[in-house]
Protein backbone atom coordinates (compact mmCIF):
# COMPACT_ATOMS: atom_id res chain seq x y z
CA MET A 1 0.04 -0.08 0.08
CA PRO A 2 1.50 3.49 -0.99
CA LEU A 3 2.39 5.70 1.82
CA ASP A 4 0.57 8.98 2.46
CA LYS A 5 2.27 12.33 3.30
CA PHE A 6 2.10 11.89 7.17
CA ASP A 7 3.63 8.22 6.62
CA SER A 8 6.35 9.56 4.53
CA MET A 9 7.14 12.26 7.12
CA VAL A 10 7.45 9.63 9.84
CA ARG A 11 9.88 7.58 7.61
CA ARG A 12 12.12 10.75 7.45
CA GLU A 13 12.06 11.74 11.19
CA SER A 14 15.09 10.77 13.30
CA GLY A 15 16.41 11.76 16.77
CA PHE A 16 15.01 11.50 20.29
CA ALA A 17 11.39 10.21 20.60
CA GLN A 18 10.31 12.98 23.11
CA ASP A 19 11.46 15.80 20.61
CA ILE A 20 9.68 14.14 17.73
CA ILE A 21 6.42 13.67 19.62
CA LYS A 22 6.49 17.33 20.77
CA LYS A 23 7.31 18.41 17.22
CA ILE A 24 4.46 16.51 15.47
CA TYR A 25 1.79 16.60 18.33
CA GLY A 26 2.79 19.48 20.45
CA LYS A 27 2.67 17.13 23.46
CA ASN A 28 5.23 16.79 26.31
CA LEU A 29 5.70 13.11 27.14
CA SER A 30 8.01 11.31 29.40
CA GLN A 31 10.96 9.69 27.73
CA ASN A 32 9.48 6.07 28.26
CA ASN A 33 5.98 6.92 26.97
CA ALA A 34 7.38 8.91 24.06
CA ARG A 35 9.54 6.04 23.04
CA LYS A 36 6.50 3.53 23.22
CA TYR A 37 4.23 5.95 21.19
CA TRP A 38 6.95 6.61 18.58
CA SER A 39 7.74 2.92 18.25
CA GLY A 40 4.24 1.99 17.65
CA ILE A 41 3.75 4.81 15.15
CA ARG A 42 6.75 3.65 13.27
CA MET A 43 5.53 0.05 13.39
CA HIS A 44 2.10 1.02 11.93
CA VAL A 45 3.75 2.80 9.00
CA ALA A 46 6.14 -0.06 8.35
CA TYR A 47 3.30 -2.50 8.19
CA LYS A 48 1.19 -0.17 6.23
CA GLU A 49 3.82 -0.07 3.64
CA GLY A 50 3.97 -3.98 3.58
CA LEU A 51 0.19 -4.30 3.02
CA VAL A 52 -0.96 -6.46 0.01
CA GLY A 53 -4.09 -5.26 -1.80
CA GLU A 54 -6.21 -3.64 1.00
CA ASP A 55 -5.98 -5.84 4.03
CA ARG A 56 -3.43 -8.47 4.06
CA PRO A 57 0.00 -7.55 5.52
CA VAL A 58 3.14 -9.28 4.41
CA SER A 59 5.48 -9.35 7.60
CA GLU A 60 9.04 -10.12 7.95
CA MET A 61 8.37 -10.68 11.71
CA GLU A 62 6.75 -14.02 11.09
CA GLU A 63 7.52 -17.56 12.71
CA VAL A 64 6.04 -20.73 11.54
CA VAL A 65 6.36 -23.98 13.43
CA PHE A 66 5.59 -27.29 11.56
CA LYS A 67 4.61 -30.37 13.58
CA THR A 68 4.59 -33.95 12.50
CA ASP A 69 0.83 -34.41 12.60
CA GLY A 70 0.52 -31.83 9.82
CA SER A 71 -0.42 -28.89 12.07
CA ARG A 72 1.43 -25.54 12.07
CA THR A 73 1.59 -22.67 14.39
CA THR A 74 2.21 -19.25 12.84
CA THR A 75 2.95 -16.14 14.81
CA ARG A 76 2.70 -12.85 12.93
CA MET A 77 1.91 -9.18 13.50
CA LEU A 78 -1.37 -8.09 11.95
CA LEU A 79 -3.25 -4.84 11.67
CA LEU A 80 -6.86 -5.75 12.74
CA SER A 81 -10.01 -3.93 13.57
CA GLU A 82 -11.76 -4.79 16.79
CA GLU A 83 -14.26 -6.76 14.74
CA ASP A 84 -11.75 -8.77 12.86
CA ASN A 85 -9.88 -9.39 16.21
CA GLN A 86 -13.08 -11.28 17.33
CA ASN A 87 -13.27 -13.33 14.32
CA PRO A 88 -10.80 -16.29 14.16
CA THR A 89 -11.99 -17.26 10.62
CA ARG A 90 -11.17 -13.75 9.46
CA ILE A 91 -7.74 -14.14 11.19
CA MET A 92 -7.13 -17.45 9.33
CA GLU A 93 -7.83 -15.83 6.05
CA LEU A 94 -5.47 -12.90 6.75
CA MET A 95 -2.83 -15.41 7.70
CA GLY A 96 -3.30 -17.14 4.34
CA TYR A 97 -5.16 -20.31 5.53
CA ASP A 98 -8.46 -21.37 3.72
CA PRO A 99 -10.97 -22.24 6.39
CA ILE A 100 -12.27 -24.84 4.05
CA GLN A 101 -8.99 -26.63 4.01
CA TRP A 102 -7.76 -25.86 7.55
CA GLU A 103 -9.23 -26.67 11.01
CA LEU A 104 -8.66 -24.10 13.65
CA ILE A 105 -7.04 -25.45 16.72
CA SER A 106 -6.37 -22.23 18.61
CA CYS A 107 -5.88 -18.41 18.14
CA LYS A 108 -4.29 -16.03 20.49
CA SER A 109 -3.93 -12.32 19.97
CA ARG A 110 -2.13 -9.67 21.99
CA ARG A 111 -2.45 -5.90 21.22
CA ASN A 112 1.06 -4.53 20.76
CA TYR A 113 0.18 -0.73 21.23
CA TRP A 114 -2.63 1.54 21.85
CA ASP A 115 -4.52 4.14 19.72
CA THR A 116 -3.30 7.56 19.37
CA THR A 117 -5.21 10.65 18.06
CA THR A 118 -2.79 12.07 15.35
CA LYS A 119 -2.64 15.00 12.84
CA ASP A 120 -1.51 14.81 9.48
CA ILE A 121 0.64 17.54 8.02
CA ASP A 122 -2.67 19.22 6.80
CA GLY A 123 -3.75 19.64 10.36
CA ASN A 124 -6.68 17.04 10.00
CA ALA A 125 -7.26 14.74 13.06
CA HIS A 126 -7.23 11.12 12.32
CA LYS A 127 -8.33 8.41 14.72
CA SER A 128 -6.81 4.94 13.77
CA THR A 129 -9.29 2.17 13.48
CA ASN A 130 -6.89 -0.61 13.15
CA HIS A 131 -4.60 -1.87 15.83
CA ALA A 132 -1.33 -3.91 15.74
CA PHE A 133 -1.83 -7.45 17.25
CA MET A 134 0.74 -10.22 17.66
CA VAL A 135 -1.29 -13.26 16.61
CA THR A 136 -0.43 -16.82 17.24
CA LEU A 137 -2.52 -19.22 15.20
CA THR A 138 -2.49 -23.06 15.22
CA VAL A 139 -4.24 -24.98 12.50
CA LYS A 140 -4.31 -28.41 11.01
CA PRO A 141 -5.27 -29.65 7.51
CA ILE A 142 -8.69 -30.95 7.30
CA GLN A 143 -7.47 -33.28 4.62
CA ASN A 144 -5.55 -35.25 7.41
CA LYS A 145 -8.81 -36.66 8.47
CA ILE A 146 -9.02 -38.87 5.37
CA THR A 147 -8.01 -42.42 6.07
CA THR A 148 -7.02 -45.10 3.70
CA ASP A 149 -10.38 -46.84 4.49
CA ILE A 150 -12.13 -43.82 3.09
CA VAL A 151 -9.89 -43.72 0.06
CA ARG A 152 -10.74 -47.43 -0.67
CA GLU A 153 -14.42 -47.06 -0.10
CA THR A 154 -14.60 -44.15 -2.53
CA LEU A 155 -12.54 -45.73 -5.15
CA ALA A 156 -14.61 -48.99 -4.93
CA ASN A 157 -17.73 -47.04 -5.83
CA ILE A 158 -16.18 -45.68 -9.10
CA ALA A 159 -17.45 -47.30 -12.31
CA LYS A 160 -14.72 -49.44 -13.72
CA PRO A 161 -13.09 -48.35 -17.03
CA LYS A 162 -13.31 -50.12 -20.21
CA ILE A 163 -9.76 -51.56 -20.86
CA GLU A 164 -8.68 -53.44 -23.92
CA LYS A 165 -7.98 -57.01 -23.20
CA ILE A 166 -4.61 -58.18 -24.63
CA GLN A 167 -3.56 -61.69 -25.49
CA HIS A 168 0.15 -62.18 -24.49
CA LYS A 169 2.53 -64.73 -25.80
CA PRO A 170 4.99 -66.44 -23.47
CA GLY A 171 8.51 -64.87 -23.23
CA ASP A 172 11.96 -65.34 -22.10
CA TYR A 173 12.80 -62.25 -20.14
CA MET A 174 11.49 -60.05 -17.41
CA LEU A 175 11.81 -56.27 -18.02
CA GLU A 176 12.24 -54.15 -14.79
CA LEU A 177 11.59 -50.46 -15.20
CA PRO A 178 12.01 -48.37 -11.97
CA ILE A 179 11.68 -44.76 -12.46
CA MET A 180 13.43 -43.43 -9.39
CA ASP A 181 13.07 -39.99 -7.71
CA PHE A 182 10.97 -38.37 -10.46
CA HIS A 183 9.63 -35.53 -8.09
CA LEU A 184 6.72 -34.65 -10.15
CA GLY A 185 5.73 -31.01 -9.14
CA LEU A 186 9.11 -29.79 -8.51
CA LEU A 187 9.99 -26.34 -9.74
CA ALA A 188 13.53 -25.49 -10.86
CA TRP A 189 14.75 -22.20 -12.59
CA ASP A 190 17.34 -22.48 -15.30
CA ASP A 191 19.07 -19.22 -14.19
CA GLU A 192 19.50 -20.53 -10.61
CA THR A 193 20.18 -24.36 -11.21
CA GLY A 194 21.23 -24.62 -14.76
CA GLU A 195 18.16 -26.47 -15.69
CA SER A 196 14.35 -25.76 -15.82
CA TYR A 197 11.79 -28.34 -14.39
CA ASP A 198 8.01 -27.96 -14.00
CA LEU A 199 4.94 -29.94 -14.48
CA LYS A 200 4.89 -29.76 -18.18
CA ILE A 201 8.66 -30.42 -18.48
CA ALA A 202 8.45 -33.38 -16.25
CA GLU A 203 5.46 -34.91 -18.11
CA ASN A 204 7.36 -34.71 -21.52
CA ILE A 205 10.55 -36.29 -19.94
CA TYR A 206 8.52 -39.05 -18.29
CA LYS A 207 6.65 -40.01 -21.36
CA ASN A 208 9.72 -39.77 -23.68
CA THR A 209 11.64 -42.01 -21.38
CA ILE A 210 9.03 -44.78 -21.29
CA LEU A 211 8.52 -44.64 -24.98
CA ASP A 212 12.33 -44.61 -25.57
CA ILE A 213 12.81 -47.86 -23.28
CA ILE A 214 9.80 -49.70 -25.03
CA SER A 215 11.03 -48.86 -28.45
CA ARG A 216 14.57 -50.22 -27.69
CA VAL A 217 13.14 -53.40 -26.23
CA LYS A 218 11.26 -53.97 -29.45
CA ALA A 219 14.33 -53.07 -31.50
CA TYR A 220 16.31 -55.77 -29.67
CA GLY A 221 13.65 -58.26 -30.35
CA LEU A 222 13.33 -59.22 -26.75
CA LYS A 223 10.46 -61.46 -25.91
CA ILE A 224 9.16 -60.14 -22.58
CA ASP A 225 7.59 -62.50 -20.20
CA LYS A 226 6.70 -60.04 -17.46
CA VAL A 227 7.13 -56.26 -16.78
CA VAL A 228 8.01 -55.04 -13.19
CA PHE A 229 7.04 -51.41 -12.65
CA PRO A 230 7.78 -50.17 -9.14
CA ILE A 231 5.89 -47.04 -7.97
CA GLY A 232 6.77 -44.56 -5.40
CA GLN A 233 10.30 -43.67 -4.75
CA ASP A 234 9.48 -40.00 -4.53
CA PHE A 235 7.38 -39.99 -7.65
CA PHE A 236 5.67 -36.88 -6.19
CA ASN A 237 7.71 -34.08 -4.99
CA SER A 238 5.40 -33.15 -2.21
CA ASP A 239 3.03 -34.90 0.07
CA THR A 240 0.72 -32.19 1.60
CA THR A 241 -1.62 -29.41 0.54
CA ASN A 242 0.96 -27.02 1.43
CA ASN A 243 3.71 -28.42 -0.68
CA THR A 244 5.78 -29.95 1.94
CA THR A 245 7.49 -33.41 2.30
CA THR A 246 5.78 -35.94 4.41
CA ARG A 247 7.82 -34.58 7.43
CA GLY A 248 6.97 -31.07 6.69
CA THR A 249 10.02 -29.71 4.71
CA ILE A 250 8.90 -26.80 2.52
CA LEU A 251 9.67 -27.24 -1.19
CA ASP A 252 9.86 -25.32 -4.39
CA SER A 253 6.57 -26.57 -6.11
CA ASP A 254 5.17 -25.75 -9.39
CA THR A 255 1.45 -26.44 -8.89
CA ARG A 256 -1.36 -26.91 -6.49
CA TRP A 257 -1.75 -30.46 -4.99
CA PRO A 258 -5.10 -31.52 -6.66
CA LYS A 259 -3.48 -30.75 -10.16
CA LEU A 260 -0.19 -32.66 -9.00
CA TYR A 261 -2.08 -35.68 -7.95
CA GLN A 262 -4.26 -35.84 -11.09
CA LYS A 263 -1.27 -35.44 -13.37
CA GLY A 264 0.58 -38.15 -11.38
CA VAL A 265 -2.16 -40.73 -11.61
CA GLU A 266 -2.74 -39.83 -15.32
CA LEU A 267 1.06 -40.48 -16.03
CA LEU A 268 1.04 -43.77 -14.05
CA THR A 269 -2.05 -44.99 -15.84
CA TRP A 270 -0.57 -43.98 -19.14
CA ALA A 271 2.77 -45.71 -18.40
CA ILE A 272 1.05 -49.03 -17.35
CA GLU A 273 -1.13 -49.02 -20.45
CA GLN A 274 2.05 -48.64 -22.62
CA LEU A 275 3.92 -51.42 -20.68
CA ARG A 276 1.09 -53.86 -20.83
CA GLN A 277 1.47 -53.88 -24.57
CA LEU A 278 4.71 -55.75 -24.08
CA ALA A 279 3.65 -58.30 -21.29
CA PRO A 280 1.65 -58.49 -18.07
CA VAL A 281 2.62 -55.81 -15.60
CA VAL A 282 3.25 -56.04 -11.91
CA THR A 283 3.48 -52.84 -9.98
CA LEU A 284 5.14 -52.64 -6.52
CA ARG A 285 4.76 -49.89 -3.97
CA VAL A 286 8.15 -48.61 -2.87
CA PRO A 287 7.70 -45.68 -0.41
CA GLY A 288 10.14 -42.62 -0.54
CA ASN A 289 10.64 -39.87 2.02
CA HIS A 290 8.88 -37.08 -0.02
CA ASP A 291 5.36 -38.52 -0.72
CA LYS A 292 4.55 -41.49 1.45
CA MET A 293 0.78 -40.61 1.58
CA LEU A 294 0.33 -39.27 -1.96
CA SER A 295 2.15 -42.23 -3.57
CA TYR A 296 0.04 -44.58 -1.54
CA CYS A 297 -3.22 -42.95 -2.52
CA ALA A 298 -2.05 -42.96 -6.17
CA ILE A 299 -1.39 -46.73 -6.18
CA GLU A 300 -4.74 -47.32 -4.43
CA THR A 301 -6.18 -45.45 -7.31
CA LEU A 302 -4.37 -47.58 -9.84
CA ARG A 303 -5.51 -50.84 -8.04
CA ALA A 304 -9.10 -49.61 -8.38
CA TYR A 305 -8.68 -48.69 -12.00
CA PHE A 306 -7.13 -51.88 -13.03
CA ARG A 307 -8.94 -54.09 -10.58
CA ASP A 308 -10.54 -56.26 -13.25
CA THR A 309 -7.64 -56.18 -15.66
CA GLU A 310 -6.04 -59.71 -15.82
CA ASP A 311 -2.62 -58.53 -16.98
CA VAL A 312 -2.11 -55.74 -14.38
CA CYS A 313 -1.31 -56.79 -10.73
CA VAL A 314 -1.11 -53.84 -8.37
CA ASP A 315 0.61 -54.54 -5.05
CA VAL A 316 -0.28 -52.08 -2.26
CA SER A 317 1.72 -53.57 0.46
CA PRO A 318 2.47 -51.06 3.30
CA LYS A 319 5.88 -52.66 3.90
CA PRO A 320 8.96 -50.24 3.48
CA ARG A 321 10.64 -52.62 1.00
CA ALA A 322 9.43 -54.90 -1.76
CA TYR A 323 10.68 -58.15 -3.46
CA ILE A 324 10.14 -59.82 -6.78
CA ARG A 325 11.40 -63.21 -7.77
CA TYR A 326 11.73 -64.28 -11.49
CA TYR A 327 13.06 -67.78 -11.60
CA ASP A 328 16.69 -67.67 -10.54
CA ASN A 329 16.62 -63.90 -9.92
CA LEU A 330 15.64 -61.98 -6.76
CA ILE A 331 15.40 -58.20 -6.87
CA GLY A 332 14.78 -56.14 -3.73
CA PHE A 333 13.49 -52.48 -3.87
CA SER A 334 13.99 -49.87 -1.14
CA HIS A 335 14.39 -46.07 -1.21
CA GLY A 336 17.58 -46.54 0.63
CA GLU A 337 17.28 -43.67 2.94
CA ASN A 338 16.51 -44.86 6.55
CA ASP A 339 17.64 -48.41 6.15
CA SER A 340 20.94 -47.79 4.16
CA LYS A 341 23.13 -48.89 7.19
CA ARG A 342 21.27 -52.12 7.56
CA ILE A 343 20.38 -52.87 3.88
CA LYS A 344 23.03 -55.49 3.55
CA GLY A 345 21.37 -57.89 5.85
CA LEU A 346 17.63 -57.46 5.19
CA MET A 347 17.01 -59.49 2.03
CA GLN A 348 18.19 -62.77 3.79
CA ILE A 349 15.82 -61.99 6.77
CA GLU A 350 12.79 -60.62 4.79
CA ALA A 351 12.82 -63.05 1.84
CA PRO A 352 14.69 -66.11 3.20
CA ARG A 353 13.29 -68.77 0.97
CA ASP A 354 13.57 -66.84 -2.22
CA TRP A 355 17.19 -65.96 -0.95
CA GLY A 356 18.13 -69.55 -0.69
CA GLU A 357 16.51 -70.75 -3.96
CA THR A 358 17.87 -68.00 -6.25
CA LYS A 359 21.48 -67.35 -7.60
CA PHE A 360 21.26 -63.81 -8.77
CA ARG A 361 20.32 -61.14 -6.21
CA GLU A 362 20.22 -57.30 -6.33
CA PHE A 363 18.88 -54.49 -4.25
CA HIS A 364 17.78 -51.62 -6.31
CA LEU A 365 17.88 -48.17 -4.28
CA GLY A 366 17.06 -44.62 -5.04
CA HIS A 367 17.23 -41.34 -2.88
CA LEU A 368 20.81 -40.13 -3.88
CA HIS A 369 19.85 -39.32 -7.48
CA LYS A 370 23.04 -40.86 -8.89
CA GLU A 371 24.25 -44.15 -10.11
CA ASP A 372 26.36 -46.36 -7.81
CA LEU A 373 27.15 -50.01 -7.38
CA THR A 374 28.70 -52.09 -4.68
CA GLU A 375 28.55 -55.89 -4.09
CA ASP A 376 28.63 -57.58 -0.75
CA GLY A 377 27.65 -61.09 0.58
CA GLY A 378 26.25 -62.24 -2.78
CA ILE A 379 24.06 -59.24 -3.32
CA ILE A 380 24.61 -56.35 -5.74
CA PHE A 381 23.51 -52.97 -4.36
CA ARG A 382 22.61 -50.66 -7.09
CA ARG A 383 21.73 -46.98 -6.73
CA ILE A 384 19.82 -45.79 -9.67
CA SER A 385 19.94 -42.19 -11.06
CA SER A 386 16.94 -39.84 -11.51
CA ILE A 387 15.60 -38.19 -14.74
CA LYS A 388 14.60 -35.02 -12.91
CA ALA A 389 16.47 -31.76 -13.21
CA THR A 390 18.85 -30.47 -10.50
CA ASP A 391 16.88 -28.46 -7.96
CA ALA A 392 17.94 -25.22 -6.03
CA TRP A 393 18.91 -27.31 -2.78
CA GLU A 394 21.11 -29.59 -4.71
CA GLN A 395 22.73 -26.76 -6.44
CA GLU A 396 23.33 -24.91 -3.26
CA MET A 397 24.78 -28.03 -1.62
CA GLY A 398 27.01 -28.84 -4.47
CA PHE A 399 25.03 -32.20 -5.38
CA VAL A 400 25.52 -31.63 -9.07
CA GLY A 401 26.99 -33.43 -12.07
CA ALA A 402 25.06 -36.73 -12.07
CA ILE A 403 23.71 -37.93 -15.56
CA HIS A 404 19.94 -37.54 -15.65
CA LYS A 405 18.81 -41.04 -16.95
CA ALA A 406 16.43 -43.90 -16.33
CA GLN A 407 17.70 -47.55 -16.31
CA ALA A 408 15.70 -50.44 -17.46
CA PHE A 409 16.87 -53.95 -16.67
CA VAL A 410 16.31 -57.20 -18.63
CA TRP A 411 16.45 -60.35 -16.72
CA ASP A 412 17.02 -63.83 -18.24
CA LYS A 413 15.25 -66.63 -16.36
CA HIS A 414 18.39 -68.71 -15.51
CA LYS A 415 21.36 -66.32 -16.49
CA GLY A 416 20.48 -63.37 -14.33
CA LEU A 417 20.78 -59.67 -15.60
CA SER A 418 21.37 -59.83 -19.31
CA LEU A 419 20.95 -56.17 -20.45
CA ILE A 420 20.74 -52.58 -19.00
CA ILE A 421 18.93 -50.12 -21.07
CA ASN A 422 20.03 -46.42 -20.41
CA SER A 423 17.67 -43.74 -21.36
CA VAL A 424 19.44 -40.33 -21.03
CA VAL A 425 17.43 -37.20 -20.73
CA LYS A 426 17.98 -35.11 -23.76
CA GLU A 427 18.87 -31.50 -23.04
CA ALA A 428 16.13 -28.96 -23.95
């Protein structure tokens, strides 16, 4: 909001508060009272200058505390009328929280200074009708009340789609296509990170990667018996309505969460439809650290969508790791964040029978956005790169230089890993 003449005069004044109050108002006040009055007047002008539109202040004096249950407590100075101060819903709106999406937990306001009768430089008396309040507001997302049972019940009532039935021929290989750390919804700016990334760019990269791998499988003349398509692994960049990770870390995001979720399910459905042209598809849930809730809901949506499709199996196991056995091959999947120090001994414990009956064993991990390979105790531990662009945090921390690519793995029934297909993201 632009400043008037009186406001501009206040911004120019300097010196002792007693002298300034006497000069402007002609009143003799004690040093302590004059300092309080003058501090309040200058604060009023500063916040008036920061107003957006007509009534919402943008304050630098703001503190936001995020909690693990999704709630947040915001402390901010607001200019409020007496009527607004008695209306918590209005305070929520001024704080930027939609009352439809947020539940009020508590609201506490404390007046920071009292009214004064002032005169502007034209000599007109003016009584302030807004007062500065220090407001502490605690809210919780209403969406957190949605449970997995509600999601399942809702999806069960959706009319099933018409999906083409495909006759598959027996094959000799299993195709594994893990798209790791896609971070759909991430926003990156080329001038800051060296690469741009948004919802549209991500969609193009994702589709081009899937189609590139499928075309190369066909070009090699491989007869695919099964396709394994893990889902999760930070497929979505954020997990909440406020564009934060599951734990509450604020992220650079390109879009609103409903659009993000719709686009994510659309891409996953499209990918499965493309892959089932090759062979029956098995999807596995592999949770990441950015999107545990949103990816789970997405895979539940996929299960409902393909529930009567014979050649698509959707596994929604809540376990943090997943395993798939293909004849003499055993592949484990984990995001590789929390369990990285114990990962070398987990396959033997969690899949003991398959471990004992197979010869070729690998664990495929994400999280680090780069390729890496180690072997220990008869297991190959393979970190897989990401096709997403470098983000601002990675650029700041120096995590740069990794090749953006997806990898598909072709497994022979009895000879183990026979082919790795690298699909490198083309520069824009």
